[in-house]
Amino acid sequence: MAKKGWDEFEIGAMLRTFDGKIDDIAGTQQEDRAYSQSSSYTASVADWRLIKPIFNKDYCIDCQFCWVYCPDVSIISRDKKLIGVDMDHCKGCGICVEVCPTNPKSLLMFPEQADEETEIASWPKKDEEEA
């Protein structure tokens, strides 16, 4: 069966990320997962992304919301701790930033050309509540 292009799927079609059943998705390394041909993991999308998330571990509480809601499995988590973003497969949708509950957020969106170290150095500071 030939691989379908994005414009050949029926409206409302469900694209499965993985082939077959995976019992322990969180415990299976990304490179060891059986990705389906309709998954964006089989192709890099980094060349057309305009904005990207940058992760600041200093504010992360490891709630895993970003990992749960990322539509492209681009959040890299090991032992229930966020360790980064797979920039080869992140489309820059910003869902990870929207679901992040920290203040300031541990993930923020920046232009694709932004330097990670520069942006982390100028990260917003935590709002101090008045006593």
C-alpha atoms as a PDB file:
ATOM      1  CA  MET A   1       0.000   0.000   0.000  1.00  0.00           C
ATOM      2  CA  ALA A   2       1.432   3.357  -1.027  1.00  0.00           C
ATOM      3  CA  LYS A   3       1.952   6.036   1.594  1.00  0.00           C
ATOM      4  CA  LYS A   4      -0.736   8.752   1.442  1.00  0.00           C
ATOM      5  CA  GLY A   5       0.115  12.424   1.235  1.00  0.00           C
ATOM      6  CA  TRP A   6      -1.376  14.792   3.787  1.00  0.00           C
ATOM      7  CA  ASP A   7      -3.991  15.979   1.305  1.00  0.00           C
ATOM      8  CA  GLU A   8      -5.201  12.445   0.495  1.00  0.00           C
ATOM      9  CA  PHE A   9      -6.719  11.653   3.906  1.00  0.00           C
ATOM     10  CA  GLU A  10     -10.472  11.884   4.407  1.00  0.00           C
ATOM     11  CA  ILE A  11     -11.744  14.716   6.589  1.00  0.00           C
ATOM     12  CA  GLY A  12     -11.859  13.480  10.172  1.00  0.00           C
ATOM     13  CA  ALA A  13      -9.418  10.627   9.547  1.00  0.00           C
ATOM     14  CA  MET A  14      -7.545   9.501  12.645  1.00  0.00           C
ATOM     15  CA  LEU A  15      -3.821   9.101  12.130  1.00  0.00           C
ATOM     16  CA  ARG A  16      -2.245   6.704  14.578  1.00  0.00           C
ATOM     17  CA  THR A  17       1.175   7.599  15.883  1.00  0.00           C
ATOM     18  CA  PHE A  18       2.271   4.004  16.399  1.00  0.00           C
ATOM     19  CA  ASP A  19       1.875   0.691  14.575  1.00  0.00           C
ATOM     20  CA  GLY A  20       0.532  -2.057  16.786  1.00  0.00           C
ATOM     21  CA  LYS A  21       0.155  -1.910  20.546  1.00  0.00           C
ATOM     22  CA  ILE A  22       2.717  -0.430  22.913  1.00  0.00           C
ATOM     23  CA  ASP A  23       2.156  -1.425  26.526  1.00  0.00           C
ATOM     24  CA  ASP A  24       4.565   1.006  28.186  1.00  0.00           C
ATOM     25  CA  ILE A  25       4.898   4.065  25.961  1.00  0.00           C
ATOM     26  CA  ALA A  26       6.479   6.171  28.713  1.00  0.00           C
ATOM     27  CA  GLY A  27       9.051   3.473  29.416  1.00  0.00           C
ATOM     28  CA  THR A  28       9.944   2.939  25.753  1.00  0.00           C
ATOM     29  CA  GLN A  29      12.662   5.184  24.341  1.00  0.00           C
ATOM     30  CA  GLN A  30      11.542   7.260  21.328  1.00  0.00           C
ATOM     31  CA  GLU A  31      14.003   5.549  19.025  1.00  0.00           C
ATOM     32  CA  ASP A  32      12.641   2.102  20.038  1.00  0.00           C
ATOM     33  CA  ARG A  33       8.964   2.852  19.284  1.00  0.00           C
ATOM     34  CA  ALA A  34       7.191   1.435  16.222  1.00  0.00           C
ATOM     35  CA  TYR A  35       6.068   4.681  14.582  1.00  0.00           C
ATOM     36  CA  SER A  36       3.435   4.479  11.847  1.00  0.00           C
ATOM     37  CA  GLN A  37       4.086   5.883   8.387  1.00  0.00           C
ATOM     38  CA  SER A  38       1.447   8.567   9.038  1.00  0.00           C
ATOM     39  CA  SER A  39       3.364   9.840  12.084  1.00  0.00           C
ATOM     40  CA  SER A  40       5.417  12.983  11.726  1.00  0.00           C
ATOM     41  CA  TYR A  41       8.210  11.135  13.544  1.00  0.00           C
ATOM     42  CA  THR A  42       9.131   9.444  10.260  1.00  0.00           C
ATOM     43  CA  ALA A  43      10.018  12.810   8.683  1.00  0.00           C
ATOM     44  CA  SER A  44      11.644  16.010   9.922  1.00  0.00           C
ATOM     45  CA  VAL A  45       9.466  19.111   9.886  1.00  0.00           C
ATOM     46  CA  ALA A  46      12.078  21.450  11.317  1.00  0.00           C
ATOM     47  CA  ASP A  47      12.690  23.228   8.020  1.00  0.00           C
ATOM     48  CA  TRP A  48       9.233  24.845   7.886  1.00  0.00           C
ATOM     49  CA  ARG A  49       8.632  25.704  11.548  1.00  0.00           C
ATOM     50  CA  LEU A  50       8.510  29.499  12.173  1.00  0.00           C
ATOM     51  CA  ILE A  51       8.424  29.538  15.967  1.00  0.00           C
ATOM     52  CA  LYS A  52       9.797  27.027  18.444  1.00  0.00           C
ATOM     53  CA  PRO A  53       9.438  26.224  22.118  1.00  0.00           C
ATOM     54  CA  ILE A  54      12.437  26.781  24.348  1.00  0.00           C
ATOM     55  CA  PHE A  55      12.557  24.827  27.594  1.00  0.00           C
ATOM     56  CA  ASN A  56      13.815  26.352  30.855  1.00  0.00           C
ATOM     57  CA  LYS A  57      14.359  23.519  33.339  1.00  0.00           C
ATOM     58  CA  ASP A  58      14.647  25.961  36.255  1.00  0.00           C
ATOM     59  CA  TYR A  59      10.863  26.496  36.231  1.00  0.00           C
ATOM     60  CA  CYS A  60       9.665  23.000  35.285  1.00  0.00           C
ATOM     61  CA  ILE A  61       7.688  21.051  37.901  1.00  0.00           C
ATOM     62  CA  ASP A  62       7.626  17.850  35.780  1.00  0.00           C
ATOM     63  CA  CYS A  63       3.835  17.749  35.617  1.00  0.00           C
ATOM     64  CA  GLN A  64       4.098  16.126  32.156  1.00  0.00           C
ATOM     65  CA  PHE A  65       1.195  18.188  30.729  1.00  0.00           C
ATOM     66  CA  CYS A  66       3.355  19.174  27.745  1.00  0.00           C
ATOM     67  CA  TRP A  67       4.250  15.524  27.114  1.00  0.00           C
ATOM     68  CA  VAL A  68       0.607  14.419  27.323  1.00  0.00           C
ATOM     69  CA  TYR A  69      -0.780  17.120  25.026  1.00  0.00           C
ATOM     70  CA  CYS A  70       1.973  17.369  22.388  1.00  0.00           C
ATOM     71  CA  PRO A  71       0.348  16.148  19.147  1.00  0.00           C
ATOM     72  CA  ASP A  72       3.685  15.083  17.650  1.00  0.00           C
ATOM     73  CA  VAL A  73       5.370  13.310  20.564  1.00  0.00           C
ATOM     74  CA  SER A  74       8.061  15.995  20.477  1.00  0.00           C
ATOM     75  CA  ILE A  75       8.450  16.376  24.233  1.00  0.00           C
ATOM     76  CA  ILE A  76      11.324  14.236  25.489  1.00  0.00           C
ATOM     77  CA  SER A  77      10.756  12.843  28.955  1.00  0.00           C
ATOM     78  CA  ARG A  78      12.774  10.274  30.895  1.00  0.00           C
ATOM     79  CA  ASP A  79      11.708   8.854  34.244  1.00  0.00           C
ATOM     80  CA  LYS A  80       8.811  11.351  34.370  1.00  0.00           C
ATOM     81  CA  LYS A  81      11.144  14.325  33.979  1.00  0.00           C
ATOM     82  CA  LEU A  82      11.080  16.656  30.986  1.00  0.00           C
ATOM     83  CA  ILE A  83      14.539  16.786  29.434  1.00  0.00           C
ATOM     84  CA  GLY A  84      13.896  18.710  26.233  1.00  0.00           C
ATOM     85  CA  VAL A  85      12.076  19.097  22.928  1.00  0.00           C
ATOM     86  CA  ASP A  86      12.703  17.028  19.796  1.00  0.00           C
ATOM     87  CA  MET A  87      13.209  19.907  17.365  1.00  0.00           C
ATOM     88  CA  ASP A  88      13.290  17.605  14.326  1.00  0.00           C
ATOM     89  CA  HIS A  89       9.612  16.805  14.842  1.00  0.00           C
ATOM     90  CA  CYS A  90       8.180  19.800  16.695  1.00  0.00           C
ATOM     91  CA  LYS A  91       5.870  21.815  14.437  1.00  0.00           C
ATOM     92  CA  GLY A  92       5.818  24.872  16.691  1.00  0.00           C
ATOM     93  CA  CYS A  93       2.090  24.693  17.502  1.00  0.00           C
ATOM     94  CA  GLY A  94       2.607  26.043  21.043  1.00  0.00           C
ATOM     95  CA  ILE A  95       0.278  23.586  22.794  1.00  0.00           C
ATOM     96  CA  CYS A  96       3.073  22.717  25.229  1.00  0.00           C
ATOM     97  CA  VAL A  97       3.299  26.369  26.273  1.00  0.00           C
ATOM     98  CA  GLU A  98      -0.474  26.724  26.630  1.00  0.00           C
ATOM     99  CA  VAL A  99      -0.786  23.737  28.990  1.00  0.00           C
ATOM    100  CA  CYS A 100       2.266  24.586  31.125  1.00  0.00           C
ATOM    101  CA  PRO A 101       0.982  25.598  34.590  1.00  0.00           C
ATOM    102  CA  THR A 102       4.133  27.214  35.998  1.00  0.00           C
ATOM    103  CA  ASN A 103       4.663  30.940  36.554  1.00  0.00           C
ATOM    104  CA  PRO A 104       6.608  31.853  34.610  1.00  0.00           C
ATOM    105  CA  LYS A 105       6.091  29.016  32.166  1.00  0.00           C
ATOM    106  CA  SER A 106       8.923  26.544  31.706  1.00  0.00           C
ATOM    107  CA  LEU A 107       8.295  26.527  27.952  1.00  0.00           C
ATOM    108  CA  LEU A 108       7.927  29.693  25.878  1.00  0.00           C
ATOM    109  CA  MET A 109       7.670  30.227  22.123  1.00  0.00           C
ATOM    110  CA  PHE A 110      10.368  32.152  20.260  1.00  0.00           C
ATOM    111  CA  PRO A 111      11.248  32.818  16.618  1.00  0.00           C
ATOM    112  CA  GLU A 112      12.943  29.846  14.951  1.00  0.00           C
ATOM    113  CA  GLN A 113      16.265  31.728  14.743  1.00  0.00           C
ATOM    114  CA  ALA A 114      16.330  32.613  18.464  1.00  0.00           C
ATOM    115  CA  ASP A 115      19.377  31.488  20.429  1.00  0.00           C
ATOM    116  CA  GLU A 116      18.387  29.208  23.300  1.00  0.00           C
ATOM    117  CA  GLU A 117      21.012  30.440  25.783  1.00  0.00           C
ATOM    118  CA  THR A 118      20.190  34.096  25.089  1.00  0.00           C
ATOM    119  CA  GLU A 119      16.465  33.545  25.563  1.00  0.00           C
ATOM    120  CA  ILE A 120      16.928  31.568  28.786  1.00  0.00           C
ATOM    121  CA  ALA A 121      19.152  34.350  30.160  1.00  0.00           C
ATOM    122  CA  SER A 122      16.333  36.862  29.578  1.00  0.00           C
ATOM    123  CA  TRP A 123      13.523  34.563  30.813  1.00  0.00           C
ATOM    124  CA  PRO A 124      10.715  36.293  32.733  1.00  0.00           C
ATOM    125  CA  LYS A 125      11.173  36.191  36.483  1.00  0.00           C
ATOM    126  CA  LYS A 126       8.734  34.554  38.866  1.00  0.00           C
ATOM    127  CA  ASP A 127       5.937  36.857  40.040  1.00  0.00           C
ATOM    128  CA  GLU A 128       6.310  37.446  43.756  1.00  0.00           C
ATOM    129  CA  GLU A 129       3.015  37.498  45.620  1.00  0.00           C
ATOM    130  CA  GLU A 130       2.587  40.349  48.042  1.00  0.00           C
ATOM    131  CA  ALA A 131       2.509  39.342  51.708  1.00  0.00           C
END
